[in-house]
Amino acid sequence: MPASMLRFVPAILLAAGVAGCNAPPEIVLASSPAYSPEWCNAAKALAQNSGSNLFAVGRCHELGIAGFPKEENLYLFYYAQSARWGNLQGSEALARLGQPVPYADLQAEARDRAEQRRAMDTMAAAMRSPAPPGPPRQAPWPAMPSIGAPRLPSPTPMAGPPAMSRAPSFGMPGSSQTQGRTSTQSRNECTNGVCRTVTTTCTNGVCSTTSQ
């Protein structure tokens, strides 16, 4: 290092020390040696809802780091909380110490809350979305079934009167006789008290009249 820079070393070290004292715990945890007092304090500051940092605090108690008394109930508590957040190191530490490993219920609850929050955010975003330009669209009316005039059945044709069978003709003596194609018709004509019988005979359409 050049001699001109040596005079700035104390100021740089002092600034680094001040920055280290005021640095956020995330930076201290990333830059400090693992399981140093500074590192353990930073892990404890970030232990809420963090399985890995809860395990780190429990390990600091188990190792008896300065400021972290080596008490079994303390590191077992932090290991158990770490396992409940789904941290495998916390579960392994409990198993190593012969303690029951709890279910990761805190992790499951946090996952459920996160899913509910995402669903609510999605719903809120959908409700805030701007309406499309133009006049508001009316909801379509439901389709109505087409109702026409009632269809009447076709009238049933009425049957006509039954055909009357022709009664057989009987020849009346002295009046009319029909044989084959020959028909004979007789009638009485009276003039001045004198009566005579007029007979008309038709054969194949040819008729002749005789009187007696």
Protein backbone atom coordinates (compact mmCIF):
# COMPACT_ATOMS: atom_id res chain seq x y z
CA MET A 1 0.00 0.00 0.00
CA PRO A 2 1.41 3.43 -0.83
CA ALA A 3 2.56 5.54 2.07
CA SER A 4 0.08 8.22 1.08
CA MET A 5 -2.79 5.80 1.80
CA LEU A 6 -1.54 4.68 5.22
CA ARG A 7 -2.79 7.80 6.90
CA PHE A 8 -6.35 6.94 5.81
CA VAL A 9 -6.35 3.43 7.32
CA PRO A 10 -7.49 4.44 10.84
CA ALA A 11 -10.34 6.48 9.40
CA ILE A 12 -11.40 3.59 7.16
CA LEU A 13 -11.31 1.13 10.05
CA LEU A 14 -13.27 3.51 12.26
CA ALA A 15 -15.90 4.03 9.55
CA ALA A 16 -16.17 0.28 9.05
CA GLY A 17 -16.64 -0.23 12.78
CA VAL A 18 -19.33 2.40 13.00
CA ALA A 19 -21.05 0.97 9.95
CA GLY A 20 -20.88 -2.48 11.49
CA CYS A 21 -22.55 -1.26 14.66
CA ASN A 22 -25.35 0.45 12.75
CA ALA A 23 -25.69 -2.11 9.97
CA PRO A 24 -29.00 -3.93 9.61
CA PRO A 25 -29.06 -7.51 10.93
CA GLU A 26 -29.25 -8.95 7.41
CA ILE A 27 -25.86 -7.44 6.56
CA VAL A 28 -24.33 -8.45 9.91
CA LEU A 29 -25.59 -12.02 9.47
CA ALA A 30 -24.09 -12.19 5.98
CA SER A 31 -20.75 -10.56 6.84
CA SER A 32 -19.97 -11.81 10.38
CA PRO A 33 -18.37 -15.19 11.21
CA ALA A 34 -20.90 -17.92 11.93
CA TYR A 35 -21.76 -18.36 15.63
CA SER A 36 -19.93 -15.22 16.67
CA PRO A 37 -21.78 -13.04 19.20
CA GLU A 38 -22.61 -10.52 16.45
CA TRP A 39 -23.83 -13.28 14.16
CA CYS A 40 -25.99 -14.86 16.88
CA ASN A 41 -27.54 -11.50 17.78
CA ALA A 42 -28.35 -10.83 14.13
CA ALA A 43 -29.94 -14.29 13.79
CA LYS A 44 -32.05 -13.65 16.89
CA ALA A 45 -33.22 -10.32 15.47
CA LEU A 46 -34.39 -12.12 12.33
CA ALA A 47 -35.70 -15.26 14.04
CA GLN A 48 -39.40 -14.42 13.83
CA ASN A 49 -41.15 -16.65 11.28
CA SER A 50 -37.81 -17.97 10.01
CA GLY A 51 -36.98 -21.63 10.55
CA SER A 52 -33.30 -21.25 9.68
CA ASN A 53 -32.71 -18.31 12.02
CA LEU A 54 -34.62 -20.04 14.84
CA PHE A 55 -32.31 -23.02 14.44
CA ALA A 56 -29.29 -20.68 14.48
CA VAL A 57 -30.43 -19.12 17.77
CA GLY A 58 -30.96 -22.57 19.27
CA ARG A 59 -27.49 -23.59 18.14
CA CYS A 60 -26.01 -20.43 19.72
CA HIS A 61 -27.64 -21.43 23.04
CA GLU A 62 -26.45 -25.02 22.74
CA LEU A 63 -22.88 -23.83 22.07
CA GLY A 64 -23.05 -21.28 24.92
CA ILE A 65 -22.09 -18.27 22.82
CA ALA A 66 -21.65 -15.04 24.82
CA GLY A 67 -25.07 -13.60 25.55
CA PHE A 68 -26.77 -16.97 24.89
CA PRO A 69 -26.84 -19.12 28.05
CA LYS A 70 -26.39 -22.82 27.48
CA GLU A 71 -29.72 -23.98 28.84
CA GLU A 72 -31.42 -27.07 27.47
CA ASN A 73 -34.93 -25.70 27.63
CA LEU A 74 -33.87 -22.69 25.54
CA TYR A 75 -32.21 -24.50 22.66
CA LEU A 76 -34.86 -27.21 22.65
CA PHE A 77 -37.51 -24.49 22.36
CA TYR A 78 -35.76 -22.84 19.41
CA TYR A 79 -35.16 -26.19 17.71
CA ALA A 80 -38.84 -27.10 18.10
CA GLN A 81 -39.98 -23.74 16.70
CA SER A 82 -37.55 -24.17 13.83
CA ALA A 83 -38.99 -27.61 13.04
CA ARG A 84 -42.54 -26.23 13.15
CA TRP A 85 -41.49 -23.83 10.41
CA GLY A 86 -40.31 -26.77 8.33
CA ASN A 87 -36.57 -26.43 8.97
CA LEU A 88 -34.83 -29.79 8.55
CA GLN A 89 -31.86 -28.80 10.71
CA GLY A 90 -34.18 -28.12 13.64
CA SER A 91 -35.86 -31.52 13.16
CA GLU A 92 -32.47 -33.26 12.99
CA ALA A 93 -31.29 -31.47 16.16
CA LEU A 94 -34.39 -32.63 18.05
CA ALA A 95 -33.92 -36.19 16.82
CA ARG A 96 -30.25 -36.07 17.83
CA LEU A 97 -31.23 -34.98 21.32
CA GLY A 98 -33.92 -37.69 21.57
CA GLN A 99 -36.82 -35.25 21.41
CA PRO A 100 -40.04 -35.70 19.42
CA VAL A 101 -40.15 -33.83 16.12
CA PRO A 102 -43.30 -31.70 15.79
CA TYR A 103 -45.33 -31.30 12.63
CA ALA A 104 -44.55 -28.25 10.49
CA ASP A 105 -47.86 -26.63 11.37
CA LEU A 106 -46.58 -23.07 11.38
CA GLN A 107 -45.25 -23.48 7.87
CA ALA A 108 -48.57 -24.91 6.67
CA GLU A 109 -50.52 -22.07 8.30
CA ALA A 110 -48.23 -19.49 6.74
CA ARG A 111 -48.67 -21.13 3.33
CA ASP A 112 -52.46 -21.06 3.72
CA ARG A 113 -52.39 -17.40 4.71
CA ALA A 114 -50.21 -16.56 1.73
CA GLU A 115 -52.57 -18.35 -0.64
CA GLN A 116 -55.59 -16.55 0.84
CA ARG A 117 -53.78 -13.23 0.54
CA ARG A 118 -52.94 -13.90 -3.12
CA ALA A 119 -56.54 -14.85 -3.84
CA MET A 120 -57.81 -11.65 -2.22
CA ASP A 121 -55.25 -9.55 -4.11
CA THR A 122 -56.30 -11.15 -7.38
CA MET A 123 -59.96 -10.47 -6.64
CA ALA A 124 -59.23 -6.86 -5.69
CA ALA A 125 -57.20 -6.34 -8.87
CA ALA A 126 -60.03 -7.74 -10.96
CA MET A 127 -62.51 -5.38 -9.29
CA ARG A 128 -60.22 -2.40 -9.91
CA SER A 129 -59.70 -3.19 -13.60
CA PRO A 130 -61.07 -0.37 -15.82
CA ALA A 131 -64.25 -0.98 -17.75
CA PRO A 132 -63.92 -1.27 -21.55
CA PRO A 133 -64.54 1.97 -23.50
CA GLY A 134 -67.99 2.70 -24.81
CA PRO A 135 -71.43 2.74 -23.29
CA PRO A 136 -72.12 0.22 -20.58
CA ARG A 137 -73.28 -3.04 -21.95
CA GLN A 138 -76.59 -4.32 -20.76
CA ALA A 139 -76.94 -7.87 -19.72
CA PRO A 140 -78.77 -9.81 -22.42
CA TRP A 141 -82.31 -10.82 -21.68
CA PRO A 142 -82.77 -14.51 -21.24
CA ALA A 143 -84.11 -16.22 -24.30
CA MET A 144 -87.87 -16.64 -24.14
CA PRO A 145 -89.42 -19.76 -25.56
CA SER A 146 -91.42 -19.13 -28.71
CA ILE A 147 -95.12 -19.53 -28.00
CA GLY A 148 -97.42 -19.71 -31.02
CA ALA A 149 -101.14 -20.17 -31.36
CA PRO A 150 -102.29 -23.53 -30.14
CA ARG A 151 -102.49 -25.98 -32.94
CA LEU A 152 -105.97 -27.45 -33.18
CA PRO A 153 -106.37 -30.99 -34.40
CA SER A 154 -107.72 -31.41 -37.90
CA PRO A 155 -111.45 -32.11 -37.90
CA THR A 156 -112.32 -35.69 -38.53
CA PRO A 157 -114.45 -35.98 -41.65
CA MET A 158 -117.97 -37.03 -40.77
CA ALA A 159 -119.14 -40.22 -42.26
CA GLY A 160 -122.04 -39.82 -44.61
CA PRO A 161 -125.30 -41.66 -44.17
CA PRO A 162 -124.98 -45.32 -44.95
CA ALA A 163 -125.92 -46.21 -48.47
CA MET A 164 -129.38 -47.56 -48.56
CA SER A 165 -129.63 -50.83 -50.33
CA ARG A 166 -132.10 -50.75 -53.14
CA ALA A 167 -135.18 -52.62 -52.25
CA PRO A 168 -136.02 -55.35 -54.68
CA SER A 169 -138.83 -54.45 -57.10
CA PHE A 170 -141.87 -56.60 -57.09
CA GLY A 171 -144.17 -56.63 -60.02
CA MET A 172 -147.65 -55.49 -59.14
CA PRO A 173 -150.34 -57.16 -61.17
CA GLY A 174 -152.14 -54.70 -63.35
CA SER A 175 -149.62 -51.86 -62.79
CA SER A 176 -146.01 -52.36 -63.92
CA GLN A 177 -143.76 -55.32 -64.73
CA THR A 178 -140.12 -55.38 -65.73
CA GLN A 179 -138.54 -58.42 -67.37
CA GLY A 180 -135.05 -58.13 -68.63
CA ARG A 181 -135.01 -55.05 -70.80
CA THR A 182 -138.77 -55.00 -71.33
CA SER A 183 -140.98 -52.94 -69.03
CA THR A 184 -144.73 -52.82 -69.02
CA GLN A 185 -146.86 -50.14 -67.35
CA SER A 186 -150.65 -50.11 -67.21
CA ARG A 187 -153.05 -47.31 -66.21
CA ASN A 188 -156.75 -46.80 -66.27
CA GLU A 189 -158.20 -43.85 -68.16
CA CYS A 190 -161.88 -42.95 -67.80
CA THR A 191 -163.74 -40.59 -70.15
CA ASN A 192 -167.47 -39.83 -69.65
CA GLY A 193 -167.79 -42.82 -67.40
CA VAL A 194 -166.18 -45.13 -69.93
CA CYS A 195 -162.90 -46.58 -68.60
CA ARG A 196 -160.21 -48.34 -70.49
CA THR A 197 -156.82 -49.80 -69.63
CA VAL A 198 -153.82 -48.24 -71.37
CA THR A 199 -150.74 -50.45 -71.42
CA THR A 200 -147.30 -49.10 -72.36
CA THR A 201 -144.64 -51.65 -73.18
CA CYS A 202 -140.96 -50.62 -73.66
CA THR A 203 -138.41 -53.04 -75.06
CA ASN A 204 -134.82 -51.87 -75.37
CA GLY A 205 -135.95 -48.28 -75.38
CA VAL A 206 -138.75 -48.82 -77.94
CA CYS A 207 -142.21 -48.29 -76.42
CA SER A 208 -145.70 -49.11 -77.70
CA THR A 209 -149.07 -48.30 -76.17
CA THR A 210 -152.22 -50.36 -76.38
CA SER A 211 -155.65 -49.68 -74.89
CA GLN A 212 -158.45 -52.10 -73.98
